[in-house]
Amino acid sequence: MLKQISKLKKHHKAIESKLLTEIKRPKLNEKRIEELRKLKRQAKELILKMIRQRSILRKKRYKRRARRLARFGAPA
C-alpha cells in the first residue's frame, strides 16, 4: 500500500507542475486548468483515503494482537 501511496504522491506533484506551467502561459486555457485542478483534487482525496484505510487496518491489527496476548496473560 505504501508503494501505491508514493505513486499517487508523485502523480499529484506531476499534476501540480503541469497546472503551474498552464497558469504561466500567456493564453490561459480555462478548461484545461479546471481539468487539472479536478485531477489534482481527486489524487489528493485518493491519497487521504488510502492513508486512512491503512491506519484503520493498523488499529485493527493491534487490537487483535492485544486480545490474543491478553488471553495468554501477557501484557500488551
PDB file of N, CA and C in Angstrom:
ATOM      1  N   MET A   1       0.819  -1.190   0.000  1.00  0.00           N
ATOM      2  CA  MET A   1       0.000   0.000   0.000  1.00  0.00           C
ATOM      3  C   MET A   1       0.867   1.259   0.000  1.00  0.00           C
ATOM      4  N   LEU A   2       2.038   1.195   0.631  1.00  0.00           N
ATOM      5  CA  LEU A   2       2.924   2.360   0.661  1.00  0.00           C
ATOM      6  C   LEU A   2       3.419   2.716  -0.735  1.00  0.00           C
ATOM      7  N   LYS A   3       3.644   1.708  -1.557  1.00  0.00           N
ATOM      8  CA  LYS A   3       4.081   1.973  -2.929  1.00  0.00           C
ATOM      9  C   LYS A   3       2.999   2.700  -3.704  1.00  0.00           C
ATOM     10  N   GLN A   4       1.758   2.286  -3.499  1.00  0.00           N
ATOM     11  CA  GLN A   4       0.647   2.944  -4.183  1.00  0.00           C
ATOM     12  C   GLN A   4       0.517   4.393  -3.736  1.00  0.00           C
ATOM     13  N   ILE A   5       0.680   4.623  -2.441  1.00  0.00           N
ATOM     14  CA  ILE A   5       0.583   5.985  -1.919  1.00  0.00           C
ATOM     15  C   ILE A   5       1.703   6.845  -2.487  1.00  0.00           C
ATOM     16  N   SER A   6       2.923   6.314  -2.541  1.00  0.00           N
ATOM     17  CA  SER A   6       4.032   7.102  -3.083  1.00  0.00           C
ATOM     18  C   SER A   6       3.838   7.382  -4.573  1.00  0.00           C
ATOM     19  N   LYS A   7       3.286   6.418  -5.317  1.00  0.00           N
ATOM     20  CA  LYS A   7       2.994   6.649  -6.726  1.00  0.00           C
ATOM     21  C   LYS A   7       1.959   7.760  -6.890  1.00  0.00           C
ATOM     22  N   LEU A   8       0.936   7.727  -6.042  1.00  0.00           N
ATOM     23  CA  LEU A   8      -0.094   8.762  -6.114  1.00  0.00           C
ATOM     24  C   LEU A   8       0.473  10.131  -5.749  1.00  0.00           C
ATOM     25  N   LYS A   9       1.382  10.171  -4.785  1.00  0.00           N
ATOM     26  CA  LYS A   9       2.001  11.452  -4.425  1.00  0.00           C
ATOM     27  C   LYS A   9       2.824  12.003  -5.575  1.00  0.00           C
ATOM     28  N   LYS A  10       3.548  11.134  -6.279  1.00  0.00           N
ATOM     29  CA  LYS A  10       4.313  11.568  -7.449  1.00  0.00           C
ATOM     30  C   LYS A  10       3.374  12.075  -8.539  1.00  0.00           C
ATOM     31  N   HIS A  11       2.269  11.370  -8.728  1.00  0.00           N
ATOM     32  CA  HIS A  11       1.264  11.773  -9.716  1.00  0.00           C
ATOM     33  C   HIS A  11       0.694  13.139  -9.348  1.00  0.00           C
ATOM     34  N   HIS A  12       0.417  13.342  -8.074  1.00  0.00           N
ATOM     35  CA  HIS A  12      -0.119  14.608  -7.581  1.00  0.00           C
ATOM     36  C   HIS A  12       0.865  15.744  -7.860  1.00  0.00           C
ATOM     37  N   LYS A  13       2.151  15.504  -7.599  1.00  0.00           N
ATOM     38  CA  LYS A  13       3.184  16.516  -7.863  1.00  0.00           C
ATOM     39  C   LYS A  13       3.285  16.820  -9.357  1.00  0.00           C
ATOM     40  N   ALA A  14       3.182  15.787 -10.189  1.00  0.00           N
ATOM     41  CA  ALA A  14       3.253  15.988 -11.637  1.00  0.00           C
ATOM     42  C   ALA A  14       2.084  16.837 -12.121  1.00  0.00           C
ATOM     43  N   ILE A  15       0.901  16.558 -11.609  1.00  0.00           N
ATOM     44  CA  ILE A  15      -0.279  17.349 -11.983  1.00  0.00           C
ATOM     45  C   ILE A  15      -0.088  18.788 -11.537  1.00  0.00           C
ATOM     46  N   GLU A  16       0.460  18.962 -10.343  1.00  0.00           N
ATOM     47  CA  GLU A  16       0.687  20.313  -9.826  1.00  0.00           C
ATOM     48  C   GLU A  16       1.652  21.094 -10.729  1.00  0.00           C
ATOM     49  N   SER A  17       2.711  20.449 -11.177  1.00  0.00           N
ATOM     50  CA  SER A  17       3.666  21.141 -12.056  1.00  0.00           C
ATOM     51  C   SER A  17       3.028  21.461 -13.413  1.00  0.00           C
ATOM     52  N   LYS A  18       2.217  20.545 -13.931  1.00  0.00           N
ATOM     53  CA  LYS A  18       1.504  20.816 -15.182  1.00  0.00           C
ATOM     54  C   LYS A  18       0.559  22.003 -15.011  1.00  0.00           C
ATOM     55  N   LEU A  19      -0.104  22.051 -13.873  1.00  0.00           N
ATOM     56  CA  LEU A  19      -1.026  23.140 -13.587  1.00  0.00           C
ATOM     57  C   LEU A  19      -0.290  24.476 -13.527  1.00  0.00           C
ATOM     58  N   LEU A  20       0.853  24.499 -12.875  1.00  0.00           N
ATOM     59  CA  LEU A  20       1.627  25.731 -12.777  1.00  0.00           C
ATOM     60  C   LEU A  20       2.118  26.195 -14.152  1.00  0.00           C
ATOM     61  N   THR A  21       2.564  25.259 -14.977  1.00  0.00           N
ATOM     62  CA  THR A  21       3.002  25.657 -16.325  1.00  0.00           C
ATOM     63  C   THR A  21       1.833  26.157 -17.159  1.00  0.00           C
ATOM     64  N   GLU A  22       0.678  25.572 -16.969  1.00  0.00           N
ATOM     65  CA  GLU A  22      -0.514  26.004 -17.712  1.00  0.00           C
ATOM     66  C   GLU A  22      -0.938  27.410 -17.276  1.00  0.00           C
ATOM     67  N   ILE A  23      -0.813  27.690 -15.984  1.00  0.00           N
ATOM     68  CA  ILE A  23      -1.198  29.003 -15.478  1.00  0.00           C
ATOM     69  C   ILE A  23      -0.222  30.080 -15.967  1.00  0.00           C
ATOM     70  N   LYS A  24       1.048  29.726 -16.125  1.00  0.00           N
ATOM     71  CA  LYS A  24       2.066  30.699 -16.535  1.00  0.00           C
ATOM     72  C   LYS A  24       1.993  31.054 -18.019  1.00  0.00           C
ATOM     73  N   ARG A  25       1.274  30.311 -18.794  1.00  0.00           N
ATOM     74  CA  ARG A  25       1.164  30.586 -20.226  1.00  0.00           C
ATOM     75  C   ARG A  25       0.450  31.918 -20.457  1.00  0.00           C
ATOM     76  N   PRO A  26       0.825  32.603 -21.513  1.00  0.00           N
ATOM     77  CA  PRO A  26       0.183  33.906 -21.782  1.00  0.00           C
ATOM     78  C   PRO A  26      -1.297  33.769 -22.141  1.00  0.00           C
ATOM     79  N   LYS A  27      -1.628  32.707 -22.853  1.00  0.00           N
ATOM     80  CA  LYS A  27      -3.032  32.485 -23.210  1.00  0.00           C
ATOM     81  C   LYS A  27      -3.576  31.384 -22.300  1.00  0.00           C
ATOM     82  N   LEU A  28      -4.450  31.756 -21.377  1.00  0.00           N
ATOM     83  CA  LEU A  28      -4.984  30.793 -20.413  1.00  0.00           C
ATOM     84  C   LEU A  28      -6.038  29.907 -21.066  1.00  0.00           C
ATOM     85  N   ASN A  29      -5.956  28.631 -20.766  1.00  0.00           N
ATOM     86  CA  ASN A  29      -6.949  27.668 -21.212  1.00  0.00           C
ATOM     87  C   ASN A  29      -7.724  27.249 -19.959  1.00  0.00           C
ATOM     88  N   GLU A  30      -8.840  27.903 -19.729  1.00  0.00           N
ATOM     89  CA  GLU A  30      -9.615  27.688 -18.502  1.00  0.00           C
ATOM     90  C   GLU A  30     -10.099  26.242 -18.356  1.00  0.00           C
ATOM     91  N   LYS A  31     -10.493  25.638 -19.458  1.00  0.00           N
ATOM     92  CA  LYS A  31     -10.973  24.249 -19.388  1.00  0.00           C
ATOM     93  C   LYS A  31      -9.862  23.313 -18.943  1.00  0.00           C
ATOM     94  N   ARG A  32      -8.666  23.518 -19.502  1.00  0.00           N
ATOM     95  CA  ARG A  32      -7.517  22.674 -19.134  1.00  0.00           C
ATOM     96  C   ARG A  32      -7.136  22.880 -17.676  1.00  0.00           C
ATOM     97  N   ILE A  33      -7.183  24.122 -17.215  1.00  0.00           N
ATOM     98  CA  ILE A  33      -6.847  24.423 -15.823  1.00  0.00           C
ATOM     99  C   ILE A  33      -7.837  23.764 -14.877  1.00  0.00           C
ATOM    100  N   GLU A  34      -9.119  23.866 -15.197  1.00  0.00           N
ATOM    101  CA  GLU A  34     -10.142  23.226 -14.358  1.00  0.00           C
ATOM    102  C   GLU A  34      -9.977  21.709 -14.354  1.00  0.00           C
ATOM    103  N   GLU A  35      -9.648  21.149 -15.510  1.00  0.00           N
ATOM    104  CA  GLU A  35      -9.446  19.702 -15.606  1.00  0.00           C
ATOM    105  C   GLU A  35      -8.264  19.257 -14.734  1.00  0.00           C
ATOM    106  N   LEU A  36      -7.179  20.024 -14.783  1.00  0.00           N
ATOM    107  CA  LEU A  36      -6.003  19.693 -13.967  1.00  0.00           C
ATOM    108  C   LEU A  36      -6.296  19.845 -12.481  1.00  0.00           C
ATOM    109  N   ARG A  37      -7.044  20.879 -12.130  1.00  0.00           N
ATOM    110  CA  ARG A  37      -7.413  21.057 -10.714  1.00  0.00           C
ATOM    111  C   ARG A  37      -8.277  19.906 -10.219  1.00  0.00           C
ATOM    112  N   LYS A  38      -9.182  19.457 -11.079  1.00  0.00           N
ATOM    113  CA  LYS A  38     -10.046  18.333 -10.710  1.00  0.00           C
ATOM    114  C   LYS A  38      -9.217  17.064 -10.517  1.00  0.00           C
ATOM    115  N   LEU A  39      -8.274  16.804 -11.436  1.00  0.00           N
ATOM    116  CA  LEU A  39      -7.412  15.630 -11.316  1.00  0.00           C
ATOM    117  C   LEU A  39      -6.557  15.704 -10.057  1.00  0.00           C
ATOM    118  N   LYS A  40      -6.053  16.891  -9.763  1.00  0.00           N
ATOM    119  CA  LYS A  40      -5.219  17.077  -8.575  1.00  0.00           C
ATOM    120  C   LYS A  40      -6.038  16.808  -7.305  1.00  0.00           C
ATOM    121  N   ARG A  41      -7.258  17.326  -7.264  1.00  0.00           N
ATOM    122  CA  ARG A  41      -8.139  17.110  -6.111  1.00  0.00           C
ATOM    123  C   ARG A  41      -8.479  15.632  -5.940  1.00  0.00           C
ATOM    124  N   GLN A  42      -8.759  14.951  -7.047  1.00  0.00           N
ATOM    125  CA  GLN A  42      -9.079  13.521  -6.982  1.00  0.00           C
ATOM    126  C   GLN A  42      -7.893  12.712  -6.473  1.00  0.00           C
ATOM    127  N   ALA A  43      -6.690  13.056  -6.937  1.00  0.00           N
ATOM    128  CA  ALA A  43      -5.497  12.350  -6.480  1.00  0.00           C
ATOM    129  C   ALA A  43      -5.298  12.569  -4.987  1.00  0.00           C
ATOM    130  N   LYS A  44      -5.489  13.796  -4.527  1.00  0.00           N
ATOM    131  CA  LYS A  44      -5.316  14.107  -3.108  1.00  0.00           C
ATOM    132  C   LYS A  44      -6.340  13.350  -2.255  1.00  0.00           C
ATOM    133  N   GLU A  45      -7.583  13.305  -2.710  1.00  0.00           N
ATOM    134  CA  GLU A  45      -8.621  12.578  -1.974  1.00  0.00           C
ATOM    135  C   GLU A  45      -8.299  11.090  -1.903  1.00  0.00           C
ATOM    136  N   LEU A  46      -7.794  10.531  -2.983  1.00  0.00           N
ATOM    137  CA  LEU A  46      -7.441   9.110  -3.000  1.00  0.00           C
ATOM    138  C   LEU A  46      -6.267   8.828  -2.069  1.00  0.00           C
ATOM    139  N   ILE A  47      -5.297   9.726  -2.027  1.00  0.00           N
ATOM    140  CA  ILE A  47      -4.165   9.577  -1.106  1.00  0.00           C
ATOM    141  C   ILE A  47      -4.662   9.570   0.331  1.00  0.00           C
ATOM    142  N   LEU A  48      -5.509  10.530   0.667  1.00  0.00           N
ATOM    143  CA  LEU A  48      -6.035  10.602   2.037  1.00  0.00           C
ATOM    144  C   LEU A  48      -6.864   9.376   2.388  1.00  0.00           C
ATOM    145  N   LYS A  49      -7.649   8.893   1.432  1.00  0.00           N
ATOM    146  CA  LYS A  49      -8.467   7.702   1.663  1.00  0.00           C
ATOM    147  C   LYS A  49      -7.586   6.485   1.951  1.00  0.00           C
ATOM    148  N   MET A  50      -6.508   6.340   1.185  1.00  0.00           N
ATOM    149  CA  MET A  50      -5.616   5.202   1.384  1.00  0.00           C
ATOM    150  C   MET A  50      -4.872   5.300   2.710  1.00  0.00           C
ATOM    151  N   ILE A  51      -4.487   6.503   3.097  1.00  0.00           N
ATOM    152  CA  ILE A  51      -3.808   6.690   4.388  1.00  0.00           C
ATOM    153  C   ILE A  51      -4.753   6.352   5.532  1.00  0.00           C
ATOM    154  N   ARG A  52      -6.010   6.815   5.436  1.00  0.00           N
ATOM    155  CA  ARG A  52      -6.995   6.495   6.478  1.00  0.00           C
ATOM    156  C   ARG A  52      -7.234   4.998   6.559  1.00  0.00           C
ATOM    157  N   GLN A  53      -7.363   4.355   5.410  1.00  0.00           N
ATOM    158  CA  GLN A  53      -7.594   2.916   5.370  1.00  0.00           C
ATOM    159  C   GLN A  53      -6.422   2.176   6.002  1.00  0.00           C
ATOM    160  N   ARG A  54      -5.212   2.623   5.721  1.00  0.00           N
ATOM    161  CA  ARG A  54      -4.018   1.988   6.281  1.00  0.00           C
ATOM    162  C   ARG A  54      -3.993   2.116   7.803  1.00  0.00           C
ATOM    163  N   SER A  55      -4.377   3.296   8.314  1.00  0.00           N
ATOM    164  CA  SER A  55      -4.360   3.470   9.766  1.00  0.00           C
ATOM    165  C   SER A  55      -5.455   2.643  10.433  1.00  0.00           C
ATOM    166  N   ILE A  56      -6.601   2.497   9.775  1.00  0.00           N
ATOM    167  CA  ILE A  56      -7.678   1.667  10.326  1.00  0.00           C
ATOM    168  C   ILE A  56      -7.235   0.212  10.381  1.00  0.00           C
ATOM    169  N   LEU A  57      -6.589  -0.259   9.300  1.00  0.00           N
ATOM    170  CA  LEU A  57      -6.109  -1.639   9.296  1.00  0.00           C
ATOM    171  C   LEU A  57      -5.070  -1.865  10.388  1.00  0.00           C
ATOM    172  N   ARG A  58      -4.216  -0.873  10.610  1.00  0.00           N
ATOM    173  CA  ARG A  58      -3.190  -0.988  11.645  1.00  0.00           C
ATOM    174  C   ARG A  58      -3.844  -1.076  13.029  1.00  0.00           C
ATOM    175  N   LYS A  59      -4.861  -0.249  13.268  1.00  0.00           N
ATOM    176  CA  LYS A  59      -5.553  -0.278  14.563  1.00  0.00           C
ATOM    177  C   LYS A  59      -6.200  -1.640  14.794  1.00  0.00           C
ATOM    178  N   LYS A  60      -6.839  -2.177  13.758  1.00  0.00           N
ATOM    179  CA  LYS A  60      -7.472  -3.490  13.890  1.00  0.00           C
ATOM    180  C   LYS A  60      -6.442  -4.565  14.202  1.00  0.00           C
ATOM    181  N   ARG A  61      -5.292  -4.497  13.539  1.00  0.00           N
ATOM    182  CA  ARG A  61      -4.239  -5.475  13.749  1.00  0.00           C
ATOM    183  C   ARG A  61      -3.727  -5.414  15.190  1.00  0.00           C
ATOM    184  N   TYR A  62      -3.534  -4.199  15.715  1.00  0.00           N
ATOM    185  CA  TYR A  62      -3.053  -4.058  17.091  1.00  0.00           C
ATOM    186  C   TYR A  62      -4.098  -4.516  18.109  1.00  0.00           C
ATOM    187  N   LYS A  63      -5.366  -4.276  17.815  1.00  0.00           N
ATOM    188  CA  LYS A  63      -6.424  -4.740  18.720  1.00  0.00           C
ATOM    189  C   LYS A  63      -6.444  -6.262  18.776  1.00  0.00           C
ATOM    190  N   ARG A  64      -6.330  -6.915  17.609  1.00  0.00           N
ATOM    191  CA  ARG A  64      -6.311  -8.377  17.584  1.00  0.00           C
ATOM    192  C   ARG A  64      -5.112  -8.909  18.363  1.00  0.00           C
ATOM    193  N   ARG A  65      -3.975  -8.265  18.200  1.00  0.00           N
ATOM    194  CA  ARG A  65      -2.770  -8.706  18.898  1.00  0.00           C
ATOM    195  C   ARG A  65      -2.932  -8.549  20.404  1.00  0.00           C
ATOM    196  N   ALA A  66      -3.513  -7.435  20.839  1.00  0.00           N
ATOM    197  CA  ALA A  66      -3.708  -7.191  22.268  1.00  0.00           C
ATOM    198  C   ALA A  66      -4.661  -8.232  22.860  1.00  0.00           C
ATOM    199  N   ARG A  67      -5.735  -8.560  22.124  1.00  0.00           N
ATOM    200  CA  ARG A  67      -6.675  -9.576  22.613  1.00  0.00           C
ATOM    201  C   ARG A  67      -6.012 -10.938  22.719  1.00  0.00           C
ATOM    202  N   ARG A  68      -5.218 -11.279  21.722  1.00  0.00           N
ATOM    203  CA  ARG A  68      -4.530 -12.566  21.716  1.00  0.00           C
ATOM    204  C   ARG A  68      -3.550 -12.661  22.874  1.00  0.00           C
ATOM    205  N   LEU A  69      -2.816 -11.587  23.120  1.00  0.00           N
ATOM    206  CA  LEU A  69      -1.864 -11.588  24.236  1.00  0.00           C
ATOM    207  C   LEU A  69      -2.583 -11.591  25.582  1.00  0.00           C
ATOM    208  N   ALA A  70      -3.743 -10.937  25.658  1.00  0.00           N
ATOM    209  CA  ALA A  70      -4.495 -10.901  26.905  1.00  0.00           C
ATOM    210  C   ALA A  70      -4.996 -12.304  27.275  1.00  0.00           C
ATOM    211  N   ARG A  71      -5.327 -13.084  26.255  1.00  0.00           N
ATOM    212  CA  ARG A  71      -5.789 -14.455  26.524  1.00  0.00           C
ATOM    213  C   ARG A  71      -4.715 -15.279  27.215  1.00  0.00           C
ATOM    214  N   PHE A  72      -3.491 -15.020  26.878  1.00  0.00           N
ATOM    215  CA  PHE A  72      -2.388 -15.786  27.453  1.00  0.00           C
ATOM    216  C   PHE A  72      -1.800 -15.131  28.703  1.00  0.00           C
ATOM    217  N   GLY A  73      -2.365 -14.005  29.111  1.00  0.00           N
ATOM    218  CA  GLY A  73      -1.926 -13.353  30.344  1.00  0.00           C
ATOM    219  C   GLY A  73      -0.711 -12.468  30.182  1.00  0.00           C
ATOM    220  N   ALA A  74      -0.274 -12.244  28.970  1.00  0.00           N
ATOM    221  CA  ALA A  74       0.873 -11.375  28.724  1.00  0.00           C
ATOM    222  C   ALA A  74       0.395  -9.927  28.546  1.00  0.00           C
ATOM    223  N   PRO A  75       1.184  -8.966  29.008  1.00  0.00           N
ATOM    224  CA  PRO A  75       0.781  -7.565  28.797  1.00  0.00           C
ATOM    225  C   PRO A  75       0.905  -7.180  27.335  1.00  0.00           C
ATOM    226  N   ALA A  76       0.030  -6.290  26.903  1.00  0.00           N
ATOM    227  CA  ALA A  76       0.049  -5.841  25.509  1.00  0.00           C
ATOM    228  C   ALA A  76       1.140  -4.877  25.343  1.00  0.00           C
TER     229      ALA A  76
END
